[in-house]
C-alpha atoms as a PDB file:
ATOM      1  CA  MET A   1      -3.063 -22.398   2.453  1.00  0.00           C
ATOM      2  CA  ALA A   2      -1.872 -25.190   0.799  1.00  0.00           C
ATOM      3  CA  PRO A   3      -1.338 -25.241  -3.008  1.00  0.00           C
ATOM      4  CA  SER A   4      -4.704 -26.775  -4.739  1.00  0.00           C
ATOM      5  CA  VAL A   5      -3.678 -30.136  -6.489  1.00  0.00           C
ATOM      6  CA  THR A   6      -5.387 -31.009  -9.780  1.00  0.00           C
ATOM      7  CA  HIS A   7      -5.576 -33.595 -12.422  1.00  0.00           C
ATOM      8  CA  VAL A   8      -5.297 -32.470 -15.945  1.00  0.00           C
ATOM      9  CA  SER A   9      -5.875 -34.492 -19.187  1.00  0.00           C
ATOM     10  CA  GLY A  10      -4.424 -32.585 -22.399  1.00  0.00           C
ATOM     11  CA  THR A  11      -2.226 -32.415 -25.432  1.00  0.00           C
ATOM     12  CA  VAL A  12       1.541 -31.151 -25.299  1.00  0.00           C
ATOM     13  CA  THR A  13       1.840 -28.269 -27.403  1.00  0.00           C
ATOM     14  CA  GLY A  14       5.184 -27.261 -28.349  1.00  0.00           C
ATOM     15  CA  ASP A  15       8.575 -28.663 -27.511  1.00  0.00           C
ATOM     16  CA  VAL A  16       9.825 -29.390 -23.847  1.00  0.00           C
ATOM     17  CA  GLU A  17      12.508 -27.163 -22.579  1.00  0.00           C
ATOM     18  CA  VAL A  18      14.788 -29.008 -20.220  1.00  0.00           C
ATOM     19  CA  ARG A  19      17.496 -26.656 -18.202  1.00  0.00           C
ATOM     20  CA  PHE A  20      19.792 -27.533 -15.315  1.00  0.00           C
ATOM     21  CA  THR A  21      20.271 -25.462 -12.096  1.00  0.00           C
ATOM     22  CA  ASP A  22      23.844 -24.351 -10.904  1.00  0.00           C
ATOM     23  CA  SER A  23      23.704 -27.375  -8.769  1.00  0.00           C
ATOM     24  CA  GLY A  24      23.061 -29.588 -11.668  1.00  0.00           C
ATOM     25  CA  VAL A  25      19.360 -30.237 -10.891  1.00  0.00           C
ATOM     26  CA  ALA A  26      17.360 -30.956 -14.032  1.00  0.00           C
ATOM     27  CA  VAL A  27      14.030 -28.519 -14.729  1.00  0.00           C
ATOM     28  CA  CYS A  28      11.855 -29.096 -17.588  1.00  0.00           C
ATOM     29  CA  ARG A  29       9.003 -26.743 -18.773  1.00  0.00           C
ATOM     30  CA  PHE A  30       5.970 -27.751 -21.356  1.00  0.00           C
ATOM     31  CA  ARG A  31       2.903 -26.352 -22.442  1.00  0.00           C
ATOM     32  CA  LEU A  32      -0.047 -28.202 -21.974  1.00  0.00           C
ATOM     33  CA  THR A  33      -3.571 -27.447 -23.696  1.00  0.00           C
ATOM     34  CA  GLN A  34      -7.000 -29.007 -22.136  1.00  0.00           C
ATOM     35  CA  THR A  35      -9.755 -28.746 -24.232  1.00  0.00           C
ATOM     36  CA  PRO A  36     -13.131 -29.561 -22.360  1.00  0.00           C
ATOM     37  CA  THR A  37     -16.099 -31.006 -23.991  1.00  0.00           C
ATOM     38  CA  GLN A  38     -19.630 -29.650 -23.705  1.00  0.00           C
ATOM     39  CA  TRP A  39     -23.016 -31.120 -24.574  1.00  0.00           C
ATOM     40  CA  ASP A  40     -24.947 -29.023 -26.776  1.00  0.00           C
ATOM     41  CA  ALA A  41     -28.565 -30.163 -26.208  1.00  0.00           C
ATOM     42  CA  ALA A  42     -30.101 -28.041 -28.629  1.00  0.00           C
ATOM     43  CA  ALA A  43     -27.683 -29.461 -31.572  1.00  0.00           C
ATOM     44  CA  GLN A  44     -27.507 -32.959 -29.923  1.00  0.00           C
ATOM     45  CA  GLN A  45     -23.918 -33.197 -30.183  1.00  0.00           C
ATOM     46  CA  TRP A  46     -20.554 -32.604 -28.295  1.00  0.00           C
ATOM     47  CA  ARG A  47     -18.863 -29.463 -28.706  1.00  0.00           C
ATOM     48  CA  ASP A  48     -15.535 -28.502 -27.668  1.00  0.00           C
ATOM     49  CA  GLY A  49     -15.489 -25.584 -24.869  1.00  0.00           C
ATOM     50  CA  THR A  50     -12.801 -23.127 -24.223  1.00  0.00           C
ATOM     51  CA  PRO A  51      -9.192 -24.486 -24.138  1.00  0.00           C
ATOM     52  CA  ILE A  52      -7.375 -24.180 -20.988  1.00  0.00           C
ATOM     53  CA  ARG A  53      -3.828 -23.318 -21.077  1.00  0.00           C
ATOM     54  CA  TYR A  54      -1.285 -24.832 -18.715  1.00  0.00           C
ATOM     55  CA  VAL A  55       2.627 -23.931 -18.345  1.00  0.00           C
ATOM     56  CA  CYS A  56       3.973 -27.264 -16.272  1.00  0.00           C
ATOM     57  CA  THR A  57       7.280 -27.463 -14.324  1.00  0.00           C
ATOM     58  CA  ALA A  58       8.806 -30.807 -13.518  1.00  0.00           C
ATOM     59  CA  TRP A  59      11.942 -31.393 -11.602  1.00  0.00           C
ATOM     60  CA  ARG A  60      14.676 -33.972 -11.026  1.00  0.00           C
ATOM     61  CA  ASP A  61      14.154 -37.211 -12.486  1.00  0.00           C
ATOM     62  CA  LEU A  62      10.617 -36.667 -13.799  1.00  0.00           C
ATOM     63  CA  ALA A  63      12.226 -33.823 -15.546  1.00  0.00           C
ATOM     64  CA  ARG A  64      14.751 -35.816 -17.533  1.00  0.00           C
ATOM     65  CA  ASN A  65      12.109 -38.440 -18.320  1.00  0.00           C
ATOM     66  CA  ALA A  66       9.391 -36.193 -19.495  1.00  0.00           C
ATOM     67  CA  THR A  67      12.126 -34.278 -21.803  1.00  0.00           C
ATOM     68  CA  GLU A  68      12.990 -37.699 -23.196  1.00  0.00           C
ATOM     69  CA  SER A  69       9.132 -39.001 -23.607  1.00  0.00           C
ATOM     70  CA  LEU A  70       6.975 -36.073 -24.572  1.00  0.00           C
ATOM     71  CA  THR A  71       6.778 -34.724 -27.923  1.00  0.00           C
ATOM     72  CA  ASP A  72       4.362 -31.906 -29.382  1.00  0.00           C
ATOM     73  CA  GLY A  73       0.935 -33.448 -29.773  1.00  0.00           C
ATOM     74  CA  VAL A  74       1.155 -36.213 -27.261  1.00  0.00           C
ATOM     75  CA  ASN A  75      -2.005 -36.546 -24.589  1.00  0.00           C
ATOM     76  CA  VAL A  76      -0.940 -36.724 -21.099  1.00  0.00           C
ATOM     77  CA  LEU A  77      -2.627 -37.157 -17.639  1.00  0.00           C
ATOM     78  CA  VAL A  78      -0.695 -34.704 -15.053  1.00  0.00           C
ATOM     79  CA  THR A  79      -1.110 -34.335 -11.349  1.00  0.00           C
ATOM     80  CA  GLY A  80       0.142 -31.059  -9.928  1.00  0.00           C
ATOM     81  CA  ARG A  81      -0.113 -28.219  -7.962  1.00  0.00           C
ATOM     82  CA  ILE A  82      -1.271 -24.711  -9.433  1.00  0.00           C
ATOM     83  CA  THR A  83       1.372 -22.409  -8.142  1.00  0.00           C
ATOM     84  CA  GLU A  84       0.417 -19.050 -10.449  1.00  0.00           C
ATOM     85  CA  ILE A  85      -2.479 -17.690 -12.754  1.00  0.00           C
ATOM     86  CA  ARG A  86      -0.803 -15.136 -15.354  1.00  0.00           C
ATOM     87  CA  ASP A  87      -1.510 -14.359 -18.965  1.00  0.00           C
ATOM     88  CA  ASN A  88      -4.374 -16.570 -19.365  1.00  0.00           C
ATOM     89  CA  ALA A  89      -2.189 -19.723 -18.096  1.00  0.00           C
ATOM     90  CA  LEU A  90      -2.564 -21.723 -15.072  1.00  0.00           C
ATOM     91  CA  TYR A  91       0.798 -22.768 -14.026  1.00  0.00           C
ATOM     92  CA  LEU A  92       1.455 -25.986 -12.706  1.00  0.00           C
ATOM     93  CA  SER A  93       4.447 -27.873 -10.572  1.00  0.00           C
ATOM     94  CA  VAL A  94       3.897 -31.410 -11.849  1.00  0.00           C
ATOM     95  CA  ASP A  95       4.249 -34.027  -9.569  1.00  0.00           C
ATOM     96  CA  GLU A  96       2.939 -37.099 -11.455  1.00  0.00           C
ATOM     97  CA  LEU A  97       2.995 -37.301 -15.433  1.00  0.00           C
ATOM     98  CA  GLY A  98       1.534 -40.160 -17.583  1.00  0.00           C
ATOM     99  CA  ILE A  99       1.130 -40.560 -21.361  1.00  0.00           C
ATOM    100  CA  SER A 100      -2.544 -41.187 -22.211  1.00  0.00           C
ATOM    101  CA  LEU A 101      -3.272 -44.605 -23.809  1.00  0.00           C
ATOM    102  CA  ARG A 102      -6.509 -43.300 -25.416  1.00  0.00           C
ATOM    103  CA  GLN A 103      -4.937 -42.557 -28.511  1.00  0.00           C
ATOM    104  CA  ARG A 104      -1.652 -44.757 -28.778  1.00  0.00           C
ATOM    105  CA  ILE A 105       0.518 -47.482 -27.560  1.00  0.00           C
ATOM    106  CA  ALA A 106       3.083 -46.856 -24.787  1.00  0.00           C
ATOM    107  CA  TYR A 107       5.744 -49.514 -24.648  1.00  0.00           C
ATOM    108  CA  THR A 108       8.021 -49.434 -21.532  1.00  0.00           C
ATOM    109  CA  GLU A 109      11.718 -50.402 -21.137  1.00  0.00           C
ATOM    110  CA  THR A 110      10.513 -53.752 -20.107  1.00  0.00           C
ATOM    111  CA  SER A 111       7.345 -54.604 -21.555  1.00  0.00           C
ATOM    112  CA  LEU A 112       8.892 -55.656 -24.751  1.00  0.00           C
ATOM    113  CA  PRO A 113      12.820 -56.452 -24.213  1.00  0.00           C
ATOM    114  CA  SER A 114      15.220 -56.473 -27.220  1.00  0.00           C
ATOM    115  CA  PRO A 115      16.450 -59.929 -28.093  1.00  0.00           C
ATOM    116  CA  ALA A 116      20.259 -59.087 -27.059  1.00  0.00           C
ATOM    117  CA  ALA A 117      18.962 -57.989 -23.684  1.00  0.00           C
ATOM    118  CA  ALA A 118      17.294 -61.884 -23.313  1.00  0.00           C
ATOM    119  CA  ALA A 119      20.280 -63.586 -25.217  1.00  0.00           C
ATOM    120  CA  PRO A 120      22.863 -65.305 -22.688  1.00  0.00           C
ATOM    121  CA  ILE A 121      26.123 -63.843 -22.992  1.00  0.00           C
ATOM    122  CA  SER A 122      29.249 -66.231 -22.865  1.00  0.00           C
ATOM    123  CA  PRO A 123      32.459 -64.910 -22.046  1.00  0.00           C
ATOM    124  CA  THR A 124      33.743 -65.899 -25.610  1.00  0.00           C
ATOM    125  CA  ALA A 125      30.735 -64.326 -27.377  1.00  0.00           C
ATOM    126  CA  SER A 126      31.588 -61.493 -29.043  1.00  0.00           C
ATOM    127  CA  VAL A 127      29.508 -58.255 -29.490  1.00  0.00           C
ATOM    128  CA  ALA A 128      29.025 -58.834 -33.017  1.00  0.00           C
ATOM    129  CA  SER A 129      27.686 -61.969 -32.257  1.00  0.00           C
ATOM    130  CA  VAL A 130      24.854 -61.039 -29.692  1.00  0.00           C
ATOM    131  CA  ALA A 131      23.789 -58.335 -31.992  1.00  0.00           C
ATOM    132  CA  ALA A 132      23.535 -60.266 -35.287  1.00  0.00           C
ATOM    133  CA  PRO A 133      20.392 -61.961 -34.040  1.00  0.00           C
ATOM    134  CA  ALA A 134      18.541 -58.506 -33.359  1.00  0.00           C
ATOM    135  CA  ALA A 135      19.418 -57.431 -37.069  1.00  0.00           C
ATOM    136  CA  ALA A 136      17.730 -60.688 -38.361  1.00  0.00           C
ATOM    137  CA  GLN A 137      14.469 -60.268 -36.171  1.00  0.00           C
ATOM    138  CA  PRO A 138      11.543 -59.215 -38.458  1.00  0.00           C
ATOM    139  CA  VAL A 139      10.370 -55.768 -37.827  1.00  0.00           C
ATOM    140  CA  GLY A 140       6.742 -55.096 -36.523  1.00  0.00           C
ATOM    141  CA  VAL A 141       6.478 -55.032 -33.149  1.00  0.00           C
ATOM    142  CA  GLY A 142       8.773 -52.163 -31.926  1.00  0.00           C
ATOM    143  CA  ALA A 143      12.585 -51.061 -32.464  1.00  0.00           C
ATOM    144  CA  GLY A 144      14.769 -54.267 -32.528  1.00  0.00           C
ATOM    145  CA  GLY A 145      11.877 -56.055 -30.608  1.00  0.00           C
ATOM    146  CA  PRO A 146      11.393 -59.912 -30.771  1.00  0.00           C
ATOM    147  CA  ALA A 147       8.714 -61.130 -33.374  1.00  0.00           C
ATOM    148  CA  ALA A 148       5.706 -62.344 -32.413  1.00  0.00           C
ATOM    149  CA  GLY A 149       5.155 -65.997 -31.132  1.00  0.00           C
ATOM    150  CA  GLN A 150       9.171 -65.882 -30.201  1.00  0.00           C
ATOM    151  CA  ALA A 151      10.722 -65.987 -26.700  1.00  0.00           C
ATOM    152  CA  GLY A 152      10.144 -62.681 -25.247  1.00  0.00           C
ATOM    153  CA  GLY A 153       8.070 -61.356 -27.640  1.00  0.00           C
ATOM    154  CA  PRO A 154       4.098 -60.647 -27.770  1.00  0.00           C
ATOM    155  CA  PRO A 155       2.056 -63.735 -28.386  1.00  0.00           C
ATOM    156  CA  ALA A 156       0.582 -64.167 -32.137  1.00  0.00           C
ATOM    157  CA  TRP A 157      -2.626 -62.985 -31.321  1.00  0.00           C
ATOM    158  CA  TRP A 158      -1.104 -59.838 -30.388  1.00  0.00           C
ATOM    159  CA  GLU A 159       0.580 -59.094 -33.813  1.00  0.00           C
ATOM    160  CA  ARG A 160      -2.834 -60.123 -35.541  1.00  0.00           C
ATOM    161  CA  ARG A 161      -4.631 -58.093 -33.534  1.00  0.00           C
ATOM    162  CA  ARG A 162      -2.084 -54.945 -33.930  1.00  0.00           C
ATOM    163  CA  ALA A 163      -2.084 -55.357 -37.641  1.00  0.00           C
ATOM    164  CA  THR A 164      -5.942 -55.073 -37.972  1.00  0.00           C
ATOM    165  CA  GLY A 165      -5.817 -51.857 -36.302  1.00  0.00           C
ATOM    166  CA  TRP A 166      -7.285 -52.954 -33.041  1.00  0.00           C
ATOM    167  CA  HIS A 167     -10.901 -52.562 -34.356  1.00  0.00           C
ATOM    168  CA  HIS A 168     -13.683 -54.652 -33.864  1.00  0.00           C
ATOM    169  CA  PRO A 169     -13.349 -56.169 -30.428  1.00  0.00           C
ATOM    170  CA  ALA A 170     -16.473 -58.183 -31.002  1.00  0.00           C
ATOM    171  CA  ALA A 171     -14.827 -59.867 -34.099  1.00  0.00           C
ATOM    172  CA  ARG A 172     -12.215 -61.523 -31.901  1.00  0.00           C
ATOM    173  CA  THR A 173     -11.979 -65.869 -32.579  1.00  0.00           C
ATOM    174  CA  PRO A 174     -11.049 -68.208 -30.219  1.00  0.00           C
ATOM    175  CA  ALA A 175      -7.411 -68.122 -31.608  1.00  0.00           C
ATOM    176  CA  ASP A 176      -7.204 -64.207 -31.120  1.00  0.00           C
ATOM    177  CA  VAL A 177      -7.888 -64.917 -27.335  1.00  0.00           C
ATOM    178  CA  GLY A 178      -4.626 -66.411 -26.671  1.00  0.00           C
ATOM    179  CA  PRO A 179      -3.859 -69.270 -23.875  1.00  0.00           C
END
């Protein structure tokens, strides 16, 4: 019988551990807690159910990326195969892993490039002259990213919406909609 594939949404609990096999293959392990919610008809409200604990194992590039990206308290979405049930925990071999966007914004390496990445480099330009404009950029979008309205940066409405905390989508003005 083939192992069952499951999809889990939960919170990383604790640190991500990474190790390498004798042949240099990366293996990471992290703990995940899923707390299902249940509707309590008598109280007319949602209640947290019994937490389900997982021990997740990822291999190779996924292990390297997970080690760099995951921290305690991050909500993730995991697709994997149940390999074992032991010590009140389900053990998963992770096939796919993603950060949940329900409670946070995730930036990718390509979504907001740094100004230095977009700046043309001439053969006579020094490293200091290319890095200098990045230091002069206003902070607010991300680490070293271009400011709102600048080339390679988010549109001005993005920064305005982000500054207000992303609340009240119905209160958007035509200027907030963008081009």
